[in-house]
N, C-alpha and C. Protein backbone atom coordinates (compact mmCIF):
# COMPACT_ATOMS: atom_id res chain seq x y z
N THR A 1 112.41 97.52 123.44
CA THR A 1 113.79 97.02 123.47
C THR A 1 114.71 97.93 122.66
N LEU A 2 115.99 97.78 122.88
CA LEU A 2 116.98 98.59 122.17
C LEU A 2 116.94 98.29 120.68
N PHE A 3 116.76 97.00 120.35
CA PHE A 3 116.72 96.60 118.94
C PHE A 3 115.56 97.29 118.22
N LYS A 4 114.40 97.32 118.88
CA LYS A 4 113.23 97.96 118.27
C LYS A 4 113.48 99.44 118.05
N GLN A 5 114.09 100.08 119.03
CA GLN A 5 114.37 101.51 118.92
C GLN A 5 115.33 101.77 117.77
N LYS A 6 116.34 100.92 117.65
CA LYS A 6 117.33 101.08 116.59
C LYS A 6 116.66 100.90 115.23
N TRP A 7 115.79 99.90 115.14
CA TRP A 7 115.09 99.64 113.88
C TRP A 7 114.19 100.82 113.51
N ALA A 8 113.50 101.35 114.50
CA ALA A 8 112.60 102.48 114.25
C ALA A 8 113.39 103.70 113.78
N ALA A 9 114.55 103.92 114.39
CA ALA A 9 115.38 105.06 114.02
C ALA A 9 115.90 104.89 112.60
N THR A 10 116.30 103.66 112.26
CA THR A 10 116.83 103.40 110.92
C THR A 10 115.76 103.57 109.86
N SER A 11 114.58 102.98 110.09
CA SER A 11 113.51 103.08 109.10
C SER A 11 113.02 104.52 109.00
N GLY A 12 113.01 105.23 110.12
CA GLY A 12 112.60 106.63 110.11
C GLY A 12 113.57 107.46 109.30
N HIS A 13 114.86 107.18 109.45
CA HIS A 13 115.89 107.92 108.71
C HIS A 13 115.77 107.62 107.22
N LYS A 14 115.51 106.36 106.89
CA LYS A 14 115.35 105.98 105.47
C LYS A 14 114.15 106.71 104.88
N LEU A 15 113.05 106.71 105.63
CA LEU A 15 111.84 107.38 105.17
C LEU A 15 112.11 108.86 104.93
N TYR A 16 112.86 109.47 105.86
CA TYR A 16 113.19 110.89 105.75
C TYR A 16 114.01 111.16 104.50
N LEU A 17 115.00 110.29 104.23
CA LEU A 17 115.85 110.47 103.05
C LEU A 17 115.04 110.31 101.77
N GLU A 18 114.13 109.33 101.77
CA GLU A 18 113.30 109.12 100.58
C GLU A 18 112.39 110.32 100.35
N LEU A 19 111.85 110.86 101.43
CA LEU A 19 110.99 112.04 101.33
C LEU A 19 111.77 113.22 100.78
N GLN A 20 113.00 113.39 101.30
CA GLN A 20 113.86 114.48 100.84
C GLN A 20 114.17 114.32 99.36
N ASP A 21 114.43 113.09 98.95
CA ASP A 21 114.71 112.79 97.55
C ASP A 21 113.51 113.16 96.67
N ALA A 22 112.32 112.77 97.11
CA ALA A 22 111.11 113.06 96.35
C ALA A 22 110.90 114.56 96.24
N MET A 23 111.15 115.28 97.33
CA MET A 23 110.99 116.74 97.30
C MET A 23 111.98 117.38 96.35
N LEU A 24 113.22 116.90 96.35
CA LEU A 24 114.24 117.44 95.45
C LEU A 24 113.84 117.19 94.01
N ASN A 25 113.32 115.99 93.73
CA ASN A 25 112.89 115.67 92.38
C ASN A 25 111.75 116.58 91.94
N GLN A 26 110.83 116.85 92.84
CA GLN A 26 109.70 117.73 92.51
C GLN A 26 110.21 119.14 92.23
N LEU A 27 111.19 119.59 93.01
CA LEU A 27 111.76 120.91 92.78
C LEU A 27 112.41 120.99 91.41
N LYS A 28 113.15 119.95 91.06
CA LYS A 28 113.81 119.91 89.75
C LYS A 28 112.77 119.96 88.64
N VAL A 29 111.71 119.17 88.80
CA VAL A 29 110.66 119.13 87.78
C VAL A 29 109.98 120.48 87.65
N SER A 30 109.66 121.12 88.77
CA SER A 30 108.97 122.41 88.70
C SER A 30 109.89 123.49 88.15
N ASN A 31 111.19 123.31 88.29
CA ASN A 31 112.13 124.28 87.73
C ASN A 31 112.27 124.09 86.22
N LEU A 32 112.06 122.86 85.75
CA LEU A 32 112.19 122.58 84.32
C LEU A 32 111.02 123.18 83.54
N TYR A 33 109.81 123.07 84.13
CA TYR A 33 108.64 123.53 83.39
C TYR A 33 108.21 124.93 83.80
């Protein structure tokens, strides 16, 4: 259904943003040490 597709896209986008955030944090940490 359209609702399921929309939900999947939203959760996928959230997951992507969280992953990007984690990667940025790791970069910052590795730059500090």
